[in-house]
Amino acid sequence: MAHMKDDALEEDEENLDPLSPLFNDEYSQSSEFRVKPKITLGSVDVPTFCVRFDYNDKYIAAAKGDGTIQIYNLFTGKMSYICNEHMENPMPTTIIRWRPI
């Protein structure tokens, strides 16, 4: 019974009108504005499960599927540190946190 309610909710959400006339396919296709990444951090060869900014927003840490934690400097766009690089039995790192100062 609950499954039928979920399907009905999904159908209702698909039929909703946009919040604004600016949010429709016609506007987005004809828009002059394009979003381009400023920098690309890392590669897509290994999945990333979690990312966290440090307290000063200078670094971002990425928890990777091969068990590594890659830490990038956001000002330079380069990897500053890598943790767990040579694990004997690598397992995915799924969550990370920065320690308080």
C-alpha atoms as a PDB file:
ATOM      1  CA  MET A   1       0.000   0.000   0.000  1.00  0.00           C
ATOM      2  CA  ALA A   2       2.825   2.402   0.862  1.00  0.00           C
ATOM      3  CA  HIS A   3       4.415   1.694  -2.525  1.00  0.00           C
ATOM      4  CA  MET A   4       1.297   2.949  -4.305  1.00  0.00           C
ATOM      5  CA  LYS A   5       1.403   6.207  -2.309  1.00  0.00           C
ATOM      6  CA  ASP A   6       5.054   6.757  -3.280  1.00  0.00           C
ATOM      7  CA  ASP A   7       4.216   6.297  -6.983  1.00  0.00           C
ATOM      8  CA  ALA A   8       1.372   8.803  -6.724  1.00  0.00           C
ATOM      9  CA  LEU A   9       3.651  11.364  -5.051  1.00  0.00           C
ATOM     10  CA  GLU A  10       6.285  10.949  -7.758  1.00  0.00           C
ATOM     11  CA  GLU A  11       3.679  11.476 -10.489  1.00  0.00           C
ATOM     12  CA  ASP A  12       2.407  14.621  -8.737  1.00  0.00           C
ATOM     13  CA  GLU A  13       5.937  16.007  -8.441  1.00  0.00           C
ATOM     14  CA  GLU A  14       6.606  15.398 -12.149  1.00  0.00           C
ATOM     15  CA  ASN A  15       3.477  17.371 -13.105  1.00  0.00           C
ATOM     16  CA  LEU A  16       4.258  20.453 -11.008  1.00  0.00           C
ATOM     17  CA  ASP A  17       4.619  23.804 -12.736  1.00  0.00           C
ATOM     18  CA  PRO A  18       7.992  25.565 -12.466  1.00  0.00           C
ATOM     19  CA  LEU A  19       8.432  27.950  -9.545  1.00  0.00           C
ATOM     20  CA  SER A  20       9.208  30.765 -11.936  1.00  0.00           C
ATOM     21  CA  PRO A  21       8.897  31.336 -15.688  1.00  0.00           C
ATOM     22  CA  LEU A  22      12.705  31.529 -15.710  1.00  0.00           C
ATOM     23  CA  PHE A  23      12.934  27.836 -14.804  1.00  0.00           C
ATOM     24  CA  ASN A  24      11.859  26.100 -17.975  1.00  0.00           C
ATOM     25  CA  ASP A  25      13.559  24.307 -20.820  1.00  0.00           C
ATOM     26  CA  GLU A  26      13.032  27.078 -23.340  1.00  0.00           C
ATOM     27  CA  TYR A  27      14.816  29.633 -21.182  1.00  0.00           C
ATOM     28  CA  SER A  28      17.740  27.380 -20.288  1.00  0.00           C
ATOM     29  CA  GLN A  29      18.387  26.403 -23.911  1.00  0.00           C
ATOM     30  CA  SER A  30      18.364  29.980 -25.159  1.00  0.00           C
ATOM     31  CA  SER A  31      20.314  31.440 -22.247  1.00  0.00           C
ATOM     32  CA  GLU A  32      23.588  33.202 -22.952  1.00  0.00           C
ATOM     33  CA  PHE A  33      24.967  32.158 -19.563  1.00  0.00           C
ATOM     34  CA  ARG A  34      27.024  28.991 -19.404  1.00  0.00           C
ATOM     35  CA  VAL A  35      28.422  27.408 -16.287  1.00  0.00           C
ATOM     36  CA  LYS A  36      32.046  26.350 -16.589  1.00  0.00           C
ATOM     37  CA  PRO A  37      34.187  24.811 -13.870  1.00  0.00           C
ATOM     38  CA  LYS A  38      36.956  27.037 -12.569  1.00  0.00           C
ATOM     39  CA  ILE A  39      39.132  24.061 -11.597  1.00  0.00           C
ATOM     40  CA  THR A  40      38.767  20.293 -11.690  1.00  0.00           C
ATOM     41  CA  LEU A  41      40.015  18.439  -8.645  1.00  0.00           C
ATOM     42  CA  GLY A  42      41.166  14.842  -9.049  1.00  0.00           C
ATOM     43  CA  SER A  43      39.970  12.300 -11.553  1.00  0.00           C
ATOM     44  CA  VAL A  44      36.778  10.359 -12.114  1.00  0.00           C
ATOM     45  CA  ASP A  45      38.534   6.989 -12.310  1.00  0.00           C
ATOM     46  CA  VAL A  46      37.698   6.222  -8.666  1.00  0.00           C
ATOM     47  CA  PRO A  47      34.310   7.215  -7.180  1.00  0.00           C
ATOM     48  CA  THR A  48      34.183   9.956  -4.534  1.00  0.00           C
ATOM     49  CA  PHE A  49      31.870   9.187  -1.620  1.00  0.00           C
ATOM     50  CA  CYS A  50      32.190  12.324   0.496  1.00  0.00           C
ATOM     51  CA  VAL A  51      33.784  15.772   0.369  1.00  0.00           C
ATOM     52  CA  ARG A  52      34.364  18.256   3.199  1.00  0.00           C
ATOM     53  CA  PHE A  53      35.717  21.786   3.360  1.00  0.00           C
ATOM     54  CA  ASP A  54      38.107  22.615   6.205  1.00  0.00           C
ATOM     55  CA  TYR A  55      37.210  25.275   8.772  1.00  0.00           C
ATOM     56  CA  ASN A  56      39.067  28.029   6.885  1.00  0.00           C
ATOM     57  CA  ASP A  57      37.796  27.007   3.419  1.00  0.00           C
ATOM     58  CA  LYS A  58      41.372  26.613   2.206  1.00  0.00           C
ATOM     59  CA  TYR A  59      41.278  22.840   1.681  1.00  0.00           C
ATOM     60  CA  ILE A  60      38.722  20.302   0.540  1.00  0.00           C
ATOM     61  CA  ALA A  61      39.089  16.619   1.409  1.00  0.00           C
ATOM     62  CA  ALA A  62      37.656  13.874  -0.805  1.00  0.00           C
ATOM     63  CA  ALA A  63      36.929  10.358   0.491  1.00  0.00           C
ATOM     64  CA  LYS A  64      37.591   7.982  -2.401  1.00  0.00           C
ATOM     65  CA  GLY A  65      36.416   4.494  -3.283  1.00  0.00           C
ATOM     66  CA  ASP A  66      39.945   3.096  -3.172  1.00  0.00           C
ATOM     67  CA  GLY A  67      40.324   4.079   0.509  1.00  0.00           C
ATOM     68  CA  THR A  68      42.418   7.179  -0.072  1.00  0.00           C
ATOM     69  CA  ILE A  69      41.627  10.622   1.253  1.00  0.00           C
ATOM     70  CA  GLN A  70      42.815  13.306  -1.138  1.00  0.00           C
ATOM     71  CA  ILE A  71      43.187  16.845   0.190  1.00  0.00           C
ATOM     72  CA  TYR A  72      43.250  19.703  -2.320  1.00  0.00           C
ATOM     73  CA  ASN A  73      44.257  23.327  -1.861  1.00  0.00           C
ATOM     74  CA  LEU A  74      41.399  25.410  -3.241  1.00  0.00           C
ATOM     75  CA  PHE A  75      43.617  28.415  -3.969  1.00  0.00           C
ATOM     76  CA  THR A  76      46.066  26.511  -6.163  1.00  0.00           C
ATOM     77  CA  GLY A  77      43.761  23.712  -7.363  1.00  0.00           C
ATOM     78  CA  LYS A  78      46.470  21.132  -6.652  1.00  0.00           C
ATOM     79  CA  MET A  79      46.513  18.088  -4.381  1.00  0.00           C
ATOM     80  CA  SER A  80      48.343  18.942  -1.162  1.00  0.00           C
ATOM     81  CA  TYR A  81      48.075  15.657   0.730  1.00  0.00           C
ATOM     82  CA  ILE A  82      47.007  12.057   0.198  1.00  0.00           C
ATOM     83  CA  CYS A  83      46.219   9.699   3.088  1.00  0.00           C
ATOM     84  CA  ASN A  84      45.916   5.886   3.073  1.00  0.00           C
ATOM     85  CA  GLU A  85      47.651   5.640  -0.281  1.00  0.00           C
ATOM     86  CA  HIS A  86      49.361   2.263   0.216  1.00  0.00           C
ATOM     87  CA  MET A  87      46.811   0.148   2.089  1.00  0.00           C
ATOM     88  CA  GLU A  88      47.274  -3.640   2.006  1.00  0.00           C
ATOM     89  CA  ASN A  89      43.523  -4.320   1.731  1.00  0.00           C
ATOM     90  CA  PRO A  90      41.957  -1.114   0.440  1.00  0.00           C
ATOM     91  CA  MET A  91      38.361  -0.460   1.369  1.00  0.00           C
ATOM     92  CA  PRO A  92      36.299   2.589   0.420  1.00  0.00           C
ATOM     93  CA  THR A  93      36.390   5.628   2.652  1.00  0.00           C
ATOM     94  CA  THR A  94      32.771   6.713   2.883  1.00  0.00           C
ATOM     95  CA  ILE A  95      32.800   9.638   5.319  1.00  0.00           C
ATOM     96  CA  ILE A  96      35.339  12.169   6.552  1.00  0.00           C
ATOM     97  CA  ARG A  97      35.457  14.979   9.101  1.00  0.00           C
ATOM     98  CA  TRP A  98      37.958  17.687   9.915  1.00  0.00           C
ATOM     99  CA  ARG A  99      39.130  17.766  13.525  1.00  0.00           C
ATOM    100  CA  PRO A 100      38.425  21.003  15.354  1.00  0.00           C
ATOM    101  CA  ILE A 101      41.443  23.194  15.925  1.00  0.00           C
END
